Amino acid sequence: MDSQVAPSLILASASPRRRQLLTQMGLAFRVDPAHIDEEAVTAETPAALAEKLALMKARAVAGRQSGPALVIGADTLVVRGRQVLGKPSDEGEAAAMLRKLSGSWHRVITGVALVQASDGRHIVSHETTSVQFAPMTDREIRDYLDTGDSMDKAGAYGIQGRAGMHIPRIRGCYFNVMGLPLYRLYTMLRDMDYPFPS
């Protein structure tokens, strides 16, 4: 990659949290959501699934670019025991997810992929963070659901919102729980020789 001219940086996600975090890194980028069928994708482990989905998203967007571009794909999974908790389809499912997370630890795994549109060169990795939820009463779950913050998030919660007051501790990267592990992404961009603004 030419170290003097930065390719267009594209985020293959409509997530406002990921847009916020990329902006926090001081990067100029545009958003082009991938819109892949995630339900049909399988893998042997949650980490492998997160990486596979992230790479599929990045490749889908890279394939429709006409000029130099570096595409960021990401996928975040919430894993309780052996069960992967995706985005809830309705409030009943969101409540059931929160009851499963209540009073226990779970893992948040984000797969991250970078794909260079010009030649398909890519790298993929993932970050894992352990998150502890305090026990939540039915009233606390109801109050949280009433915020409307559950419906577009894996595991039915966002740590940066009101759910944060039910999370006494985490082990690992906080930004990973938001949906984009910043240090992991930074090192991957460096490995792809992306020229960071000075």
Protein backbone atom coordinates (compact mmCIF):
# COMPACT_ATOMS: atom_id res chain seq x y z
CA MET A 1 0.00 0.00 0.00
CA ASP A 2 1.30 3.42 -0.93
CA SER A 3 2.42 5.03 2.32
CA GLN A 4 1.91 8.54 0.87
CA VAL A 5 -1.68 8.30 -0.28
CA ALA A 6 -4.27 6.82 2.05
CA PRO A 7 -6.96 4.73 0.38
CA SER A 8 -10.57 5.43 1.21
CA LEU A 9 -11.42 3.87 4.55
CA ILE A 10 -14.84 2.25 4.58
CA LEU A 11 -16.79 0.89 7.53
CA ALA A 12 -18.95 -2.04 6.43
CA SER A 13 -21.41 -1.47 9.26
CA ALA A 14 -24.38 0.75 10.06
CA SER A 15 -23.60 0.63 13.80
CA PRO A 16 -23.57 4.11 15.35
CA ARG A 17 -21.25 2.80 18.08
CA ARG A 18 -18.66 1.72 15.53
CA ARG A 19 -18.92 5.06 13.74
CA GLN A 20 -18.36 6.82 17.05
CA LEU A 21 -15.31 4.73 17.85
CA LEU A 22 -13.70 5.20 14.43
CA THR A 23 -14.25 8.94 14.77
CA GLN A 24 -12.61 8.75 18.20
CA MET A 25 -9.52 7.31 16.48
CA GLY A 26 -9.30 10.44 14.32
CA LEU A 27 -9.90 8.52 11.08
CA ALA A 28 -11.73 9.81 8.03
CA PHE A 29 -14.08 7.15 6.70
CA ARG A 30 -17.40 6.53 5.04
CA VAL A 31 -20.10 4.02 5.87
CA ASP A 32 -21.25 1.31 3.45
CA PRO A 33 -23.19 -1.41 5.32
CA ALA A 34 -22.69 -4.95 4.04
CA HIS A 35 -26.18 -6.47 4.52
CA ILE A 36 -25.22 -10.16 4.46
CA ASP A 37 -27.37 -13.09 5.60
CA GLU A 38 -25.81 -13.79 8.99
CA GLU A 39 -28.30 -16.48 10.02
CA ALA A 40 -27.00 -18.98 7.46
CA VAL A 41 -23.36 -18.72 8.56
CA THR A 42 -21.84 -21.38 10.82
CA ALA A 43 -18.41 -22.04 12.34
CA GLU A 44 -16.85 -24.40 14.87
CA THR A 45 -16.38 -21.79 17.60
CA PRO A 46 -17.88 -18.38 18.43
CA ALA A 47 -14.51 -16.72 17.74
CA ALA A 48 -14.30 -18.39 14.34
CA LEU A 49 -17.88 -17.32 13.62
CA ALA A 50 -17.19 -13.69 14.55
CA GLU A 51 -14.11 -13.64 12.31
CA LYS A 52 -15.96 -15.32 9.42
CA LEU A 53 -18.84 -12.86 9.59
CA ALA A 54 -16.48 -9.87 9.80
CA LEU A 55 -14.56 -11.08 6.74
CA MET A 56 -17.75 -11.75 4.77
CA LYS A 57 -18.96 -8.22 5.49
CA ALA A 58 -15.66 -6.61 4.51
CA ARG A 59 -15.39 -8.67 1.31
CA ALA A 60 -18.97 -7.88 0.30
CA VAL A 61 -18.28 -4.15 0.50
CA ALA A 62 -14.78 -4.36 -1.00
CA GLY A 63 -16.21 -6.16 -4.02
CA ARG A 64 -18.33 -3.16 -5.02
CA GLN A 65 -15.61 -0.50 -4.81
CA SER A 66 -14.27 1.13 -7.98
CA GLY A 67 -11.21 2.82 -6.48
CA PRO A 68 -8.56 2.20 -3.82
CA ALA A 69 -10.26 1.35 -0.55
CA LEU A 70 -9.58 -0.42 2.70
CA VAL A 71 -12.73 -1.93 4.18
CA ILE A 72 -13.31 -2.61 7.88
CA GLY A 73 -15.71 -5.43 8.70
CA ALA A 74 -16.73 -6.25 12.25
CA ASP A 75 -19.11 -8.60 14.00
CA THR A 76 -19.82 -8.77 17.72
CA LEU A 77 -21.18 -11.84 19.51
CA VAL A 78 -22.30 -12.25 23.11
CA VAL A 79 -21.61 -15.76 24.41
CA ARG A 80 -23.11 -17.21 27.61
CA GLY A 81 -21.67 -20.66 28.24
CA ARG A 82 -21.95 -22.32 24.84
CA GLN A 83 -24.88 -20.23 23.65
CA VAL A 84 -24.42 -17.33 21.24
CA LEU A 85 -26.86 -14.50 21.93
CA GLY A 86 -27.54 -12.39 18.87
CA LYS A 87 -29.77 -9.36 18.45
CA PRO A 88 -33.21 -9.99 19.96
CA SER A 89 -36.17 -10.18 17.59
CA ASP A 90 -38.60 -8.70 20.12
CA GLU A 91 -38.86 -7.54 23.73
CA GLY A 92 -39.71 -11.00 25.00
CA GLU A 93 -36.50 -12.41 23.56
CA ALA A 94 -34.55 -9.42 24.88
CA ALA A 95 -35.92 -10.03 28.39
CA ALA A 96 -34.99 -13.72 28.16
CA MET A 97 -31.43 -12.81 27.16
CA LEU A 98 -31.05 -10.36 30.02
CA ARG A 99 -32.27 -13.01 32.48
CA LYS A 100 -29.60 -15.38 31.17
CA LEU A 101 -26.90 -12.74 31.61
CA SER A 102 -28.13 -11.61 35.04
CA GLY A 103 -25.87 -12.58 37.93
CA SER A 104 -23.18 -14.18 35.78
CA TRP A 105 -20.17 -13.69 33.54
CA HIS A 106 -20.29 -13.89 29.76
CA ARG A 107 -17.93 -13.24 26.87
CA VAL A 108 -18.14 -10.59 24.19
CA ILE A 109 -16.24 -11.53 21.04
CA THR A 110 -15.70 -9.11 18.17
CA GLY A 111 -14.27 -10.32 14.90
CA VAL A 112 -12.46 -7.66 12.87
CA ALA A 113 -11.44 -7.94 9.22
CA LEU A 114 -9.61 -5.58 6.89
CA VAL A 115 -9.87 -6.13 3.14
CA GLN A 116 -7.99 -4.13 0.52
CA ALA A 117 -10.41 -3.65 -2.37
CA SER A 118 -7.75 -3.41 -5.09
CA ASP A 119 -6.28 -6.89 -4.66
CA GLY A 120 -8.31 -8.69 -1.98
CA ARG A 121 -5.44 -8.72 0.51
CA HIS A 122 -6.90 -9.17 3.96
CA ILE A 123 -6.25 -9.84 7.61
CA VAL A 124 -8.70 -10.99 10.24
CA SER A 125 -8.58 -11.27 14.02
CA HIS A 126 -10.80 -11.09 17.08
CA GLU A 127 -10.91 -9.72 20.61
CA THR A 128 -12.57 -11.29 23.65
CA THR A 129 -13.74 -9.47 26.77
CA SER A 130 -15.34 -11.06 29.83
CA VAL A 131 -18.27 -9.11 31.27
CA GLN A 132 -19.97 -9.58 34.64
CA PHE A 133 -23.64 -8.71 35.09
CA ALA A 134 -24.97 -8.12 38.58
CA PRO A 135 -28.23 -9.90 39.42
CA MET A 136 -31.12 -7.98 37.86
CA THR A 137 -34.66 -8.00 39.21
CA ASP A 138 -37.64 -8.31 36.87
CA ARG A 139 -38.32 -4.62 37.51
CA GLU A 140 -34.76 -3.67 36.56
CA ILE A 141 -35.02 -5.71 33.37
CA ARG A 142 -38.35 -4.08 32.55
CA ASP A 143 -36.95 -0.61 33.21
CA TYR A 144 -34.02 -1.31 30.92
CA LEU A 145 -36.24 -2.67 28.15
CA ASP A 146 -38.32 0.51 28.40
CA THR A 147 -35.27 2.54 27.31
CA GLY A 148 -35.42 0.84 23.90
CA ASP A 149 -31.69 0.22 24.08
CA SER A 150 -31.89 -3.57 23.69
CA MET A 151 -33.24 -4.16 20.25
CA ASP A 152 -30.27 -3.53 17.95
CA LYS A 153 -27.56 -5.06 20.12
CA ALA A 154 -26.15 -8.55 20.54
CA GLY A 155 -27.11 -9.90 23.95
CA ALA A 156 -29.82 -7.23 24.24
CA TYR A 157 -27.64 -4.62 25.95
CA GLY A 158 -25.18 -1.82 25.31
CA ILE A 159 -22.50 -1.26 27.94
CA GLN A 160 -22.26 2.45 27.07
CA GLY A 161 -25.91 3.02 27.97
CA ARG A 162 -27.97 2.36 31.10
CA ALA A 163 -26.97 -1.31 31.12
CA GLY A 164 -23.56 -0.11 32.34
CA MET A 165 -24.93 0.41 35.85
CA HIS A 166 -25.61 -3.35 36.08
CA ILE A 167 -22.04 -4.28 35.08
CA PRO A 168 -19.68 -4.19 38.09
CA ARG A 169 -16.57 -5.30 36.20
CA ILE A 170 -15.08 -6.44 32.94
CA ARG A 171 -11.86 -8.23 32.03
CA GLY A 172 -10.40 -6.97 28.80
CA CYS A 173 -11.11 -4.24 26.27
CA TYR A 174 -14.10 -1.99 27.03
CA PHE A 175 -14.34 -0.77 23.43
CA ASN A 176 -14.66 -4.39 22.31
CA VAL A 177 -17.92 -4.62 24.27
CA MET A 178 -19.12 -1.53 22.40
CA GLY A 179 -18.42 -3.32 19.13
CA LEU A 180 -14.95 -2.32 17.94
CA PRO A 181 -11.71 -3.11 19.83
CA LEU A 182 -9.67 0.00 19.13
CA TYR A 183 -6.19 -1.26 19.93
CA ARG A 184 -6.77 -4.46 17.97
CA LEU A 185 -7.99 -2.43 14.98
CA TYR A 186 -5.06 -0.01 15.28
CA THR A 187 -2.50 -2.82 15.16
CA MET A 188 -4.29 -4.41 12.19
CA LEU A 189 -4.29 -1.12 10.29
CA ARG A 190 -0.57 -0.79 11.00
CA ASP A 191 -0.02 -4.32 9.67
CA MET A 192 -1.80 -3.26 6.46
CA ASP A 193 0.54 -0.23 6.24
CA TYR A 194 -2.34 2.19 6.57
CA PRO A 195 -0.96 5.76 6.75
CA PHE A 196 -2.37 7.29 9.89
CA PRO A 197 -2.88 11.06 9.90
CA SER A 198 -0.14 12.92 11.74
